[in-house]
């Protein structure tokens, strides 16, 4: 068992806190860790051949974290997904198979895993020894119950030179505000990868013209978060896309609570760190993540990098867990606001990623040999200033609330000169294509990187008037579209990156069609997106 001091250190809190807060965090961390990690083992044997009265694979299957010789496979046994899962409090042995063909005549790997009640009967299988850069099919078997078949793909060897990599950028899928038709169309794109950059679930109900409803009130406990994930993952179109290609995932705020920062919630709940621990545990249980990411109480290392030969390297970042609190918060409240005069916002000590993650990213960019260096993070990185009667205003929850941290990151990119830096984002429910600069207020400032910020899968976005105002005042924003839902399809080649803005006809219809609203290219060696 870890010592108390070691456990507190594992929180990795970059935000300074008073002694009383540190004592409260330590107490909460110990309580969470004791319940989540150090529960005494039960004297039980796994049921090797269980019998199910109904389908236990109601949440489908998924894969993720692809490497050149491995991939993570996921499922969760939940015959009654909205009633706590519907599984008895005992372990279940699950067999798994990975095949080179969809008919499973040519088995590449097979084995067994144990679905434990302490992990919601979820399974995370790290399959190793696979061939690089090829498609595989997989399935799970528990007793006589066989899962749907999933398809996954390994990454290319670091020393190889792939010709292309096709992926989608997805985020922000508020269940009530629309159907997941975007995933139905995404599954038809024959993608190698999905990059999900946050807000997989929403803890709260908001927005207008709901087409369906959350099955329960706002979650705060592990059991409640499990139900919320189960409802979202029960959607057939979301399941179809998970079963079509591997995913790289990171979170934003709604996987826990709106606008949380580090260990502070927007409502200043004194027990927020306990809620965060529950939410992180539920996230782990429902995502295709490797064992290295399993949460340690209220702390979970999710940032990582993934290589796809010498063609691309992805840096998946976490801008929630380690950040400084939002600047100029309202009295008695945490969270974000739009501010004009706020000197705190400019403090050079402020960080969005945490200093340790900042150093990790800088070191990674210093050693990369990839042709395309893809920084996948949660929100819009480009400055979005809007003028009102009080002056120029900035939103404090995104990078505009942490301009010194943004300057450090873009300064590192400018100095280290990794080849073809691309920044991916989400969160703001609006497609933005932007030039990233060291000085956004100087039109002559050189372009350091290209940003592709995707719209939401369902969550409602800004009005056309708001987007027009943003484009008019911020010339580094090359394109904006906040009224249509969908995703970005990106294809990386040896000489060019192509990005398509894929938008639904009507997110309120499950059978919605889709079209391409705009297209852009980024040429190898030439920073900045151009209309295609």
Protein backbone atom coordinates (compact mmCIF):
# COMPACT_ATOMS: atom_id res chain seq x y z
CA UNK A 1 0.00 0.00 0.00
CA UNK A 2 1.23 3.52 -0.79
CA UNK A 3 2.19 5.85 2.01
CA UNK A 4 -0.11 8.82 2.49
CA UNK A 5 2.57 11.21 1.23
CA UNK A 6 3.08 9.12 -1.91
CA UNK A 7 -0.64 9.02 -2.60
CA UNK A 8 -0.96 12.78 -2.26
CA UNK A 9 2.00 13.24 -4.60
CA UNK A 10 0.20 11.09 -7.16
CA UNK A 11 -2.49 13.79 -7.38
CA UNK A 12 0.03 15.87 -9.35
CA UNK A 13 -1.71 19.11 -8.45
CA UNK A 14 0.17 22.02 -10.00
CA UNK A 15 -2.23 24.50 -8.40
CA UNK A 16 -0.93 25.72 -5.03
CA UNK A 17 -3.41 25.15 -2.23
CA UNK A 18 -3.66 26.26 1.38
CA UNK A 19 -2.76 23.74 4.07
CA UNK A 20 -6.40 23.16 5.01
CA UNK A 21 -7.26 22.35 1.41
CA UNK A 22 -4.29 20.02 1.13
CA UNK A 23 -5.41 18.15 4.25
CA UNK A 24 -8.92 17.83 2.83
CA UNK A 25 -7.57 16.60 -0.52
CA UNK A 26 -5.34 14.07 1.16
CA UNK A 27 -8.19 12.75 3.28
CA UNK A 28 -10.45 12.49 0.25
CA UNK A 29 -7.72 10.89 -1.83
CA UNK A 30 -7.09 8.28 0.81
CA UNK A 31 -10.78 7.51 1.09
CA UNK A 32 -11.14 7.20 -2.69
CA UNK A 33 -8.04 5.10 -3.04
CA UNK A 34 -9.05 2.83 -0.22
CA UNK A 35 -12.45 2.15 -1.74
CA UNK A 36 -11.36 1.99 -5.38
CA UNK A 37 -7.93 0.38 -5.17
CA UNK A 38 -7.37 -1.34 -1.85
CA UNK A 39 -10.63 -3.18 -1.30
CA UNK A 40 -9.85 -6.62 0.12
CA UNK A 41 -10.03 -9.40 -2.46
CA UNK A 42 -13.15 -11.47 -2.30
CA UNK A 43 -12.90 -15.20 -1.84
CA UNK A 44 -14.61 -16.18 -5.06
CA UNK A 45 -14.03 -18.02 -8.27
CA UNK A 46 -14.86 -16.59 -11.64
CA UNK A 47 -17.81 -18.01 -13.49
CA UNK A 48 -16.20 -19.59 -16.53
CA UNK A 49 -19.49 -20.53 -18.20
CA UNK A 50 -22.15 -18.06 -17.07
CA UNK A 51 -25.68 -18.13 -18.39
CA UNK A 52 -27.33 -14.85 -19.37
CA UNK A 53 -31.06 -14.28 -19.58
CA UNK A 54 -30.44 -11.40 -22.02
CA UNK A 55 -27.61 -10.05 -24.16
CA UNK A 56 -24.72 -8.93 -21.92
CA UNK A 57 -23.06 -6.94 -24.74
CA UNK A 58 -25.58 -4.09 -24.79
CA UNK A 59 -22.76 -1.51 -24.84
CA UNK A 60 -20.95 -3.03 -27.80
CA UNK A 61 -17.21 -3.37 -28.26
CA UNK A 62 -14.38 -0.94 -28.90
CA UNK A 63 -10.65 -0.72 -29.51
CA UNK A 64 -8.06 1.98 -28.95
CA UNK A 65 -4.50 3.00 -28.11
CA UNK A 66 -3.07 1.41 -31.29
CA UNK A 67 0.65 0.70 -31.41
CA UNK A 68 2.70 -1.02 -34.11
CA UNK A 69 2.33 -4.43 -32.46
CA UNK A 70 -0.59 -4.01 -30.07
CA UNK A 71 -4.05 -2.61 -29.51
CA UNK A 72 -6.45 -2.38 -26.56
CA UNK A 73 -9.80 -4.19 -26.87
CA UNK A 74 -12.75 -3.22 -24.69
CA UNK A 75 -16.19 -4.42 -23.70
CA UNK A 76 -18.40 -4.36 -20.63
CA UNK A 77 -20.91 -6.99 -19.55
CA UNK A 78 -24.18 -5.14 -18.88
CA UNK A 79 -27.39 -7.06 -19.61
CA UNK A 80 -29.35 -4.28 -17.81
CA UNK A 81 -27.24 -1.20 -18.65
CA UNK A 82 -29.49 1.42 -17.03
CA UNK A 83 -30.10 -0.64 -13.89
CA UNK A 84 -26.56 -0.83 -12.58
CA UNK A 85 -25.46 -3.18 -15.32
CA UNK A 86 -27.54 -6.14 -14.23
CA UNK A 87 -24.59 -8.35 -13.32
CA UNK A 88 -24.24 -10.33 -10.07
CA UNK A 89 -21.38 -9.26 -7.76
CA UNK A 90 -18.98 -11.92 -9.00
CA UNK A 91 -16.18 -12.23 -11.52
CA UNK A 92 -16.76 -13.61 -14.99
CA UNK A 93 -14.17 -15.14 -17.30
CA UNK A 94 -14.35 -13.77 -20.84
CA UNK A 95 -12.63 -15.32 -23.82
CA UNK A 96 -11.43 -13.13 -26.67
CA UNK A 97 -10.22 -13.76 -30.20
CA UNK A 98 -8.40 -11.61 -32.75
CA UNK A 99 -8.49 -12.75 -36.36
CA UNK A 100 -6.95 -11.70 -39.65
CA UNK A 101 -10.30 -12.15 -41.36
CA UNK A 102 -13.87 -11.23 -40.52
CA UNK A 103 -14.99 -14.88 -40.62
CA UNK A 104 -12.45 -15.80 -37.88
CA UNK A 105 -10.92 -18.60 -39.92
CA UNK A 106 -7.40 -17.23 -39.38
CA UNK A 107 -6.91 -16.55 -35.65
CA UNK A 108 -3.99 -14.25 -34.88
CA UNK A 109 -4.34 -14.21 -31.07
CA UNK A 110 -6.67 -15.52 -28.39
CA UNK A 111 -6.91 -15.58 -24.64
CA UNK A 112 -9.06 -14.88 -21.63
CA UNK A 113 -9.69 -11.96 -19.31
CA UNK A 114 -11.64 -11.49 -16.12
CA UNK A 115 -14.55 -9.07 -15.83
CA UNK A 116 -14.54 -7.88 -12.23
CA UNK A 117 -17.49 -6.24 -10.43
CA UNK A 118 -15.12 -3.63 -8.95
CA UNK A 119 -14.56 -2.38 -12.52
CA UNK A 120 -18.19 -2.54 -13.57
CA UNK A 121 -17.53 -5.87 -15.33
CA UNK A 122 -15.52 -4.00 -17.96
CA UNK A 123 -12.61 -5.64 -19.74
CA UNK A 124 -9.49 -4.00 -21.18
CA UNK A 125 -7.37 -6.49 -23.14
CA UNK A 126 -3.95 -5.36 -24.37
CA UNK A 127 -3.29 -7.68 -27.29
CA UNK A 128 0.40 -7.82 -28.18
CA UNK A 129 2.42 -9.54 -30.88
CA UNK A 130 0.30 -8.27 -33.76
CA UNK A 131 1.62 -7.34 -37.19
CA UNK A 132 2.03 -3.62 -37.87
CA UNK A 133 -0.19 -1.52 -40.12
CA UNK A 134 -2.97 -4.04 -40.76
CA UNK A 135 -6.63 -4.61 -40.03
CA UNK A 136 -7.85 -7.20 -37.51
CA UNK A 137 -11.26 -8.38 -36.34
CA UNK A 138 -12.06 -9.25 -32.73
CA UNK A 139 -14.84 -10.59 -30.51
CA UNK A 140 -15.56 -11.61 -26.91
CA UNK A 141 -17.28 -14.72 -25.52
CA UNK A 142 -18.72 -15.24 -22.04
CA UNK A 143 -20.45 -18.59 -21.64
CA UNK A 144 -22.60 -18.95 -24.73
CA UNK A 145 -22.93 -15.18 -25.29
CA UNK A 146 -20.86 -13.84 -28.19
CA UNK A 147 -20.24 -10.13 -28.69
CA UNK A 148 -20.63 -8.17 -31.91
CA UNK A 149 -17.54 -8.28 -34.12
CA UNK A 150 -15.25 -5.27 -34.02
CA UNK A 151 -12.60 -4.15 -36.48
CA UNK A 152 -9.33 -2.54 -35.48
CA UNK A 153 -6.01 -1.55 -36.98
CA UNK A 154 -2.45 -1.48 -35.69
CA UNK A 155 -0.12 1.47 -36.24
CA UNK A 156 2.85 1.40 -38.58
CA UNK A 157 6.37 0.65 -37.37
CA UNK A 158 8.28 3.81 -36.37
CA UNK A 159 10.89 3.26 -39.09
CA UNK A 160 8.32 2.67 -41.85
CA UNK A 161 6.88 5.26 -44.25
CA UNK A 162 3.09 4.90 -44.63
CA UNK A 163 1.48 6.65 -47.58
CA UNK A 164 -1.66 7.85 -45.79
CA UNK A 165 -3.61 7.97 -42.54
CA UNK A 166 -7.30 8.87 -42.49
CA UNK A 167 -9.02 9.89 -39.26
CA UNK A 168 -11.96 11.86 -37.89
CA UNK A 169 -11.99 14.51 -35.17
CA UNK A 170 -15.03 14.16 -32.88
CA UNK A 171 -16.20 15.82 -29.67
CA UNK A 172 -19.15 17.08 -27.64
CA UNK A 173 -22.00 14.59 -27.99
CA UNK A 174 -24.76 15.82 -25.67
CA UNK A 175 -27.23 12.91 -25.81
CA UNK A 176 -30.42 14.92 -25.47
CA UNK A 177 -29.73 17.52 -28.15
CA UNK A 178 -29.54 15.23 -31.16
CA UNK A 179 -29.02 11.81 -32.65
CA UNK A 180 -25.64 10.30 -33.44
CA UNK A 181 -26.16 10.21 -37.21
CA UNK A 182 -22.66 11.66 -37.54
CA UNK A 183 -21.22 8.33 -36.40
CA UNK A 184 -23.32 6.41 -38.92
CA UNK A 185 -21.76 8.46 -41.70
CA UNK A 186 -18.32 8.37 -40.10
CA UNK A 187 -18.43 4.56 -40.12
CA UNK A 188 -18.89 4.66 -43.90
CA UNK A 189 -15.72 6.76 -44.40
CA UNK A 190 -13.33 3.77 -44.01
CA UNK A 191 -11.21 5.58 -41.45
CA UNK A 192 -8.04 4.27 -39.85
CA UNK A 193 -8.66 6.11 -36.59
CA UNK A 194 -11.00 8.33 -34.58
CA UNK A 195 -9.53 11.11 -32.44
CA UNK A 196 -12.01 12.07 -29.72
CA UNK A 197 -11.08 15.29 -27.92
CA UNK A 198 -13.59 15.53 -25.10
CA UNK A 199 -17.13 15.66 -23.70
CA UNK A 200 -18.01 12.02 -24.39
CA UNK A 201 -20.86 12.33 -21.90
CA UNK A 202 -22.61 15.33 -20.38
CA UNK A 203 -23.31 15.28 -16.70
CA UNK A 204 -25.98 17.97 -16.97
CA UNK A 205 -29.13 18.57 -18.98
CA UNK A 206 -29.12 21.80 -21.01
CA UNK A 207 -29.97 23.16 -24.43
CA UNK A 208 -33.20 23.39 -26.39
CA UNK A 209 -35.41 21.15 -28.55
CA UNK A 210 -34.36 17.88 -26.94
CA UNK A 211 -35.05 14.76 -29.00
CA UNK A 212 -34.37 12.33 -26.12
CA UNK A 213 -33.73 12.55 -22.39
CA UNK A 214 -31.15 11.49 -19.85
CA UNK A 215 -32.44 8.54 -17.86
CA UNK A 216 -31.27 9.89 -14.51
CA UNK A 217 -30.35 13.08 -12.69
CA UNK A 218 -26.86 14.59 -12.67
CA UNK A 219 -24.31 11.93 -11.64
CA UNK A 220 -22.02 12.34 -8.66
CA UNK A 221 -21.19 8.76 -7.62
CA UNK A 222 -19.46 5.96 -9.49
CA UNK A 223 -22.72 4.06 -9.93
CA UNK A 224 -24.43 7.15 -11.34
CA UNK A 225 -21.63 7.87 -13.80
CA UNK A 226 -21.77 4.24 -14.92
CA UNK A 227 -25.45 4.66 -15.78
CA UNK A 228 -24.75 7.85 -17.75
CA UNK A 229 -22.00 6.17 -19.79
CA UNK A 230 -24.24 3.15 -20.34
CA UNK A 231 -27.00 5.31 -21.79
CA UNK A 232 -24.63 7.09 -24.17
CA UNK A 233 -22.88 3.89 -25.23
CA UNK A 234 -26.20 2.14 -25.89
CA UNK A 235 -26.64 4.28 -29.01
CA UNK A 236 -26.31 1.99 -32.07
CA UNK A 237 -24.54 4.54 -34.27
CA UNK A 238 -21.93 5.27 -31.61
CA UNK A 239 -21.42 1.52 -31.17
CA UNK A 240 -21.04 1.11 -34.93
CA UNK A 241 -18.20 3.62 -35.07
CA UNK A 242 -16.46 2.13 -32.04
CA UNK A 243 -16.58 -1.25 -33.79
CA UNK A 244 -15.23 0.17 -37.07
CA UNK A 245 -11.81 1.56 -36.11
CA UNK A 246 -9.57 2.21 -33.08
CA UNK A 247 -10.00 5.43 -31.08
CA UNK A 248 -7.57 7.79 -29.40
CA UNK A 249 -9.39 9.53 -26.58
CA UNK A 250 -9.03 12.35 -24.12
CA UNK A 251 -11.56 14.12 -21.92
CA UNK A 252 -12.75 17.66 -21.33
CA UNK A 253 -14.93 18.94 -18.49
CA UNK A 254 -18.34 17.27 -18.91
CA UNK A 255 -16.95 13.81 -18.22
CA UNK A 256 -16.84 15.16 -14.66
CA UNK A 257 -18.63 18.53 -14.32
CA UNK A 258 -18.94 21.71 -16.35
CA UNK A 259 -15.92 24.02 -16.23
CA UNK A 260 -14.07 22.17 -13.49
CA UNK A 261 -10.42 23.07 -13.04
CA UNK A 262 -7.94 20.77 -11.32
CA UNK A 263 -9.58 19.74 -8.02
CA UNK A 264 -12.13 22.61 -7.99
CA UNK A 265 -15.65 22.42 -9.36
CA UNK A 266 -17.52 25.45 -10.68
CA UNK A 267 -19.93 25.24 -7.71
CA UNK A 268 -17.03 25.07 -5.21
CA UNK A 269 -18.32 21.76 -3.82
CA UNK A 270 -15.98 20.92 -0.89
CA UNK A 271 -16.19 17.22 -1.82
CA UNK A 272 -15.48 17.73 -5.52
CA UNK A 273 -12.28 15.65 -5.48
CA UNK A 274 -14.35 12.61 -4.45
CA UNK A 275 -16.69 13.24 -7.37
CA UNK A 276 -13.72 13.56 -9.71
CA UNK A 277 -12.39 10.21 -8.54
CA UNK A 278 -15.73 8.55 -9.29
CA UNK A 279 -15.93 10.19 -12.72
CA UNK A 280 -12.36 9.21 -13.63
CA UNK A 281 -13.04 5.61 -12.59
CA UNK A 282 -16.18 5.48 -14.76
CA UNK A 283 -14.27 7.01 -17.68
CA UNK A 284 -11.61 4.31 -17.40
CA UNK A 285 -14.25 1.59 -17.23
CA UNK A 286 -15.85 2.72 -20.50
CA UNK A 287 -12.89 3.68 -22.70
CA UNK A 288 -10.43 1.46 -24.64
CA UNK A 289 -7.43 2.56 -22.59
CA UNK A 290 -4.34 0.59 -21.58
CA UNK A 291 -3.68 -0.51 -18.00
CA UNK A 292 -1.14 2.31 -17.59
CA UNK A 293 -4.06 4.75 -17.47
CA UNK A 294 -6.02 3.09 -14.66
CA UNK A 295 -6.88 5.82 -12.14
CA UNK A 296 -5.14 6.07 -8.81
CA UNK A 297 -7.95 7.46 -6.71
CA UNK A 298 -8.70 10.96 -8.09
CA UNK A 299 -5.62 11.01 -10.38
CA UNK A 300 -5.35 9.48 -13.85
CA UNK A 301 -2.55 9.85 -16.39
CA UNK A 302 -4.27 10.14 -19.77
CA UNK A 303 -1.85 12.19 -21.88
CA UNK A 304 0.33 10.10 -24.20
CA UNK A 305 1.82 9.98 -27.69
CA UNK A 306 1.17 7.57 -30.55
CA UNK A 307 3.37 6.95 -33.60
CA UNK A 308 2.17 6.01 -37.08
CA UNK A 309 5.46 5.30 -38.82
CA UNK A 310 7.34 8.40 -39.88
CA UNK A 311 4.09 9.84 -41.27
CA UNK A 312 2.46 11.10 -38.08
CA UNK A 313 2.88 11.38 -34.34
CA UNK A 314 -0.13 12.24 -32.16
CA UNK A 315 0.19 13.96 -28.78
CA UNK A 316 -3.02 13.42 -26.78
CA UNK A 317 -3.18 16.12 -24.09
CA UNK A 318 -5.12 16.68 -20.86
CA UNK A 319 -6.06 20.31 -20.17
CA UNK A 320 -8.35 19.71 -17.15
CA UNK A 321 -6.59 17.74 -14.45
CA UNK A 322 -3.55 19.97 -13.86
CA UNK A 323 -4.70 23.46 -14.83
CA UNK A 324 -4.61 26.66 -12.81
CA UNK A 325 -8.08 27.86 -11.81
CA UNK A 326 -9.82 30.12 -14.33
CA UNK A 327 -8.88 33.79 -13.91
CA UNK A 328 -11.07 36.49 -12.37
CA UNK A 329 -13.74 34.16 -11.06
CA UNK A 330 -16.99 35.61 -9.80
CA UNK A 331 -17.43 35.88 -6.02
CA UNK A 332 -18.57 32.58 -4.57
CA UNK A 333 -18.18 30.72 -7.88
CA UNK A 334 -15.55 28.80 -9.78
CA UNK A 335 -15.58 28.08 -13.49
CA UNK A 336 -15.38 30.40 -16.46
CA UNK A 337 -16.61 33.80 -17.56
CA UNK A 338 -16.00 36.28 -20.36
CA UNK A 339 -13.78 39.08 -19.07
CA UNK A 340 -12.42 42.39 -20.32
CA UNK A 341 -10.15 43.86 -17.65
CA UNK A 342 -8.43 40.94 -15.90
CA UNK A 343 -4.74 41.22 -15.08
CA UNK A 344 -4.76 37.77 -13.47
CA UNK A 345 -5.39 36.26 -16.91
CA UNK A 346 -1.95 37.46 -18.05
CA UNK A 347 0.02 35.98 -15.14
CA UNK A 348 2.99 34.07 -16.65
CA UNK A 349 2.76 31.43 -13.90
CA UNK A 350 -0.65 30.26 -15.10
CA UNK A 351 -0.80 26.87 -16.83
CA UNK A 352 -3.47 24.94 -18.71
CA UNK A 353 -1.56 21.66 -19.03
CA UNK A 354 0.43 21.70 -15.81
CA UNK A 355 4.19 22.23 -15.87
CA UNK A 356 5.02 18.53 -15.97
CA UNK A 357 2.86 17.94 -19.05
CA UNK A 358 4.24 21.11 -20.66
CA UNK A 359 7.77 19.76 -20.24
CA UNK A 360 6.73 16.33 -21.55
CA UNK A 361 5.23 17.87 -24.69
CA UNK A 362 8.27 20.05 -25.29
CA UNK A 363 10.61 17.05 -24.96
CA UNK A 364 8.40 15.03 -27.31
CA UNK A 365 8.41 17.77 -29.94
CA UNK A 366 12.19 18.06 -29.61
CA UNK A 367 12.77 14.42 -30.56
CA UNK A 368 10.07 13.77 -33.15
CA UNK A 369 10.95 12.69 -36.67
CA UNK A 370 7.37 12.55 -37.90
CA UNK A 371 6.25 14.31 -41.07
CA UNK A 372 3.02 15.48 -39.38
CA UNK A 373 3.01 16.36 -35.68
CA UNK A 374 -0.56 16.35 -34.41
CA UNK A 375 -1.31 17.98 -31.05
CA UNK A 376 -4.77 16.75 -30.02
CA UNK A 377 -6.25 18.78 -27.18
CA UNK A 378 -9.66 19.85 -25.99
CA UNK A 379 -10.50 23.37 -27.11
CA UNK A 380 -9.80 26.24 -29.50
CA UNK A 381 -6.18 27.33 -29.22
CA UNK A 382 -6.38 30.40 -31.45
CA UNK A 383 -7.29 33.73 -29.87
CA UNK A 384 -11.00 34.56 -30.10
CA UNK A 385 -11.35 38.16 -28.93
CA UNK A 386 -14.75 39.84 -29.08
CA UNK A 387 -15.34 43.54 -28.52
CA UNK A 388 -18.25 44.71 -26.41
CA UNK A 389 -19.09 48.05 -24.82
CA UNK A 390 -16.49 47.45 -22.10
CA UNK A 391 -13.66 46.60 -24.49
CA UNK A 392 -12.11 43.41 -25.85
CA UNK A 393 -13.35 40.34 -24.01
CA UNK A 394 -11.89 36.85 -23.61
CA UNK A 395 -13.35 33.52 -22.44
CA UNK A 396 -11.40 32.28 -19.44
CA UNK A 397 -12.01 28.52 -19.71
CA UNK A 398 -10.02 28.08 -22.94
CA UNK A 399 -6.54 29.10 -24.07
CA UNK A 400 -7.56 32.77 -24.04
CA UNK A 401 -7.70 32.41 -20.27
CA UNK A 402 -4.10 31.16 -20.26
CA UNK A 403 -2.28 33.28 -22.87
CA UNK A 404 1.15 32.88 -21.26
CA UNK A 405 0.82 29.08 -21.35
CA UNK A 406 -0.23 29.29 -25.01
CA UNK A 407 2.76 31.51 -25.76
CA UNK A 408 5.08 28.97 -24.11
CA UNK A 409 3.65 26.13 -26.19
CA UNK A 410 3.72 28.00 -29.48
CA UNK A 411 7.14 29.38 -28.62
CA UNK A 412 8.42 25.83 -28.20
CA UNK A 413 6.95 24.88 -31.57
CA UNK A 414 8.58 27.91 -33.21
CA UNK A 415 11.96 27.16 -31.64
CA UNK A 416 12.02 23.38 -32.06
CA UNK A 417 10.47 23.44 -35.54
CA UNK A 418 8.79 20.02 -35.59
CA UNK A 419 7.68 19.28 -39.12
CA UNK A 420 4.12 20.28 -40.06
CA UNK A 421 2.58 21.01 -36.63
CA UNK A 422 -1.20 20.54 -36.57
CA UNK A 423 -3.37 21.37 -33.56
CA UNK A 424 -6.73 19.59 -33.18
CA UNK A 425 -9.48 20.89 -30.91
CA UNK A 426 -13.15 20.71 -29.98
CA UNK A 427 -15.20 21.95 -26.99
CA UNK A 428 -16.59 25.16 -28.54
CA UNK A 429 -19.25 23.44 -30.74
CA UNK A 430 -17.99 25.29 -33.79
CA UNK A 431 -15.70 24.41 -36.67
CA UNK A 432 -12.73 26.76 -36.77
CA UNK A 433 -9.75 26.63 -39.12
CA UNK A 434 -7.03 28.93 -37.86
CA UNK A 435 -3.46 30.15 -38.20
CA UNK A 436 -1.65 29.92 -34.88
CA UNK A 437 0.77 32.80 -34.23
CA UNK A 438 3.05 34.09 -31.51
CA UNK A 439 1.20 37.44 -31.67
CA UNK A 440 -2.44 37.18 -32.75
CA UNK A 441 -2.81 40.97 -32.76
CA UNK A 442 -0.06 41.44 -35.36
CA UNK A 443 -1.11 40.47 -38.91
CA UNK A 444 2.59 40.27 -39.85
CA UNK A 445 3.35 37.70 -37.17
CA UNK A 446 4.45 34.42 -38.84
CA UNK A 447 2.18 31.38 -38.78
CA UNK A 448 3.63 28.79 -36.39
CA UNK A 449 1.07 25.99 -36.70
CA UNK A 450 -2.28 25.13 -38.30
CA UNK A 451 -5.36 24.54 -36.17
CA UNK A 452 -8.34 22.34 -37.07
CA UNK A 453 -11.04 22.70 -34.40
CA UNK A 454 -14.03 20.46 -35.03
CA UNK A 455 -17.69 21.14 -34.42
CA UNK A 456 -19.76 19.00 -32.06
CA UNK A 457 -21.42 15.67 -32.78
CA UNK A 458 -24.70 17.00 -31.32
CA UNK A 459 -24.16 19.87 -28.85
CA UNK A 460 -25.66 23.17 -29.99
CA UNK A 461 -23.23 25.88 -31.00
CA UNK A 462 -22.92 29.64 -31.49
CA UNK A 463 -25.14 31.57 -33.87
CA UNK A 464 -24.09 32.64 -37.36
CA UNK A 465 -23.89 36.24 -36.13
CA UNK A 466 -21.52 35.28 -33.32
CA UNK A 467 -19.28 33.39 -35.73
CA UNK A 468 -19.25 36.30 -38.20
CA UNK A 469 -18.21 38.64 -35.39
CA UNK A 470 -15.39 36.29 -34.42
CA UNK A 471 -14.13 36.06 -38.00
CA UNK A 472 -14.27 39.83 -38.48
CA UNK A 473 -12.28 40.64 -35.36
CA UNK A 474 -9.77 37.78 -35.55
CA UNK A 475 -8.21 37.59 -39.05
CA UNK A 476 -6.13 34.53 -38.11
CA UNK A 477 -9.43 32.60 -38.01
CA UNK A 478 -9.75 31.45 -41.61
CA UNK A 479 -13.13 29.69 -41.41
CA UNK A 480 -15.96 29.32 -38.90
CA UNK A 481 -19.21 27.35 -38.81
CA UNK A 482 -21.16 27.09 -35.56
CA UNK A 483 -24.66 26.25 -36.79
CA UNK A 484 -23.99 22.75 -38.15
CA UNK A 485 -23.12 19.58 -36.30
CA UNK A 486 -20.80 16.84 -37.54
CA UNK A 487 -17.06 16.14 -37.58
CA UNK A 488 -13.83 16.80 -39.44
CA UNK A 489 -12.41 14.13 -41.73
CA UNK A 490 -8.64 14.45 -42.11
CA UNK A 491 -6.35 12.55 -44.46
CA UNK A 492 -2.61 12.82 -43.95
CA UNK A 493 -0.45 12.04 -47.00
CA UNK A 494 3.24 12.33 -47.73
CA UNK A 495 2.84 15.72 -49.42
CA UNK A 496 -0.47 17.15 -48.21
CA UNK A 497 -3.06 17.09 -45.42
CA UNK A 498 -6.69 17.28 -46.55
CA UNK A 499 -9.47 18.25 -44.15
CA UNK A 500 -13.18 18.04 -44.93
CA UNK A 501 -15.84 19.79 -42.83
CA UNK A 502 -18.59 17.14 -42.71
CA UNK A 503 -21.94 18.54 -41.57
CA UNK A 504 -25.31 16.91 -40.90
CA UNK A 505 -28.46 18.10 -42.64
CA UNK A 506 -30.43 17.89 -39.37
CA UNK A 507 -29.01 16.62 -36.08
CA UNK A 508 -32.57 16.19 -34.77
CA UNK A 509 -33.15 13.32 -37.23
CA UNK A 510 -31.57 9.90 -36.74
CA UNK A 511 -31.65 9.37 -40.52
CA UNK A 512 -30.03 12.72 -41.35
CA UNK A 513 -27.96 13.03 -44.48
CA UNK A 514 -24.51 14.61 -44.55
CA UNK A 515 -22.52 16.85 -46.87
CA UNK A 516 -19.16 18.56 -47.07
CA UNK A 517 -19.48 22.23 -46.10
CA UNK A 518 -15.85 23.17 -46.78
CA UNK A 519 -12.48 21.63 -47.59
CA UNK A 520 -8.92 22.70 -46.77
CA UNK A 521 -5.39 21.54 -47.51
CA UNK A 522 -2.11 21.98 -45.67
CA UNK A 523 0.96 21.35 -47.80
CA UNK A 524 4.01 19.59 -46.44
CA UNK A 525 6.50 22.27 -45.38
CA UNK A 526 4.02 25.14 -45.67
CA UNK A 527 2.20 26.12 -42.49
CA UNK A 528 -1.38 27.32 -42.80
CA UNK A 529 -4.57 25.85 -44.26
CA UNK A 530 -5.73 26.81 -47.74
CA UNK A 531 -9.26 26.39 -49.16
CA UNK A 532 -9.43 23.36 -51.44
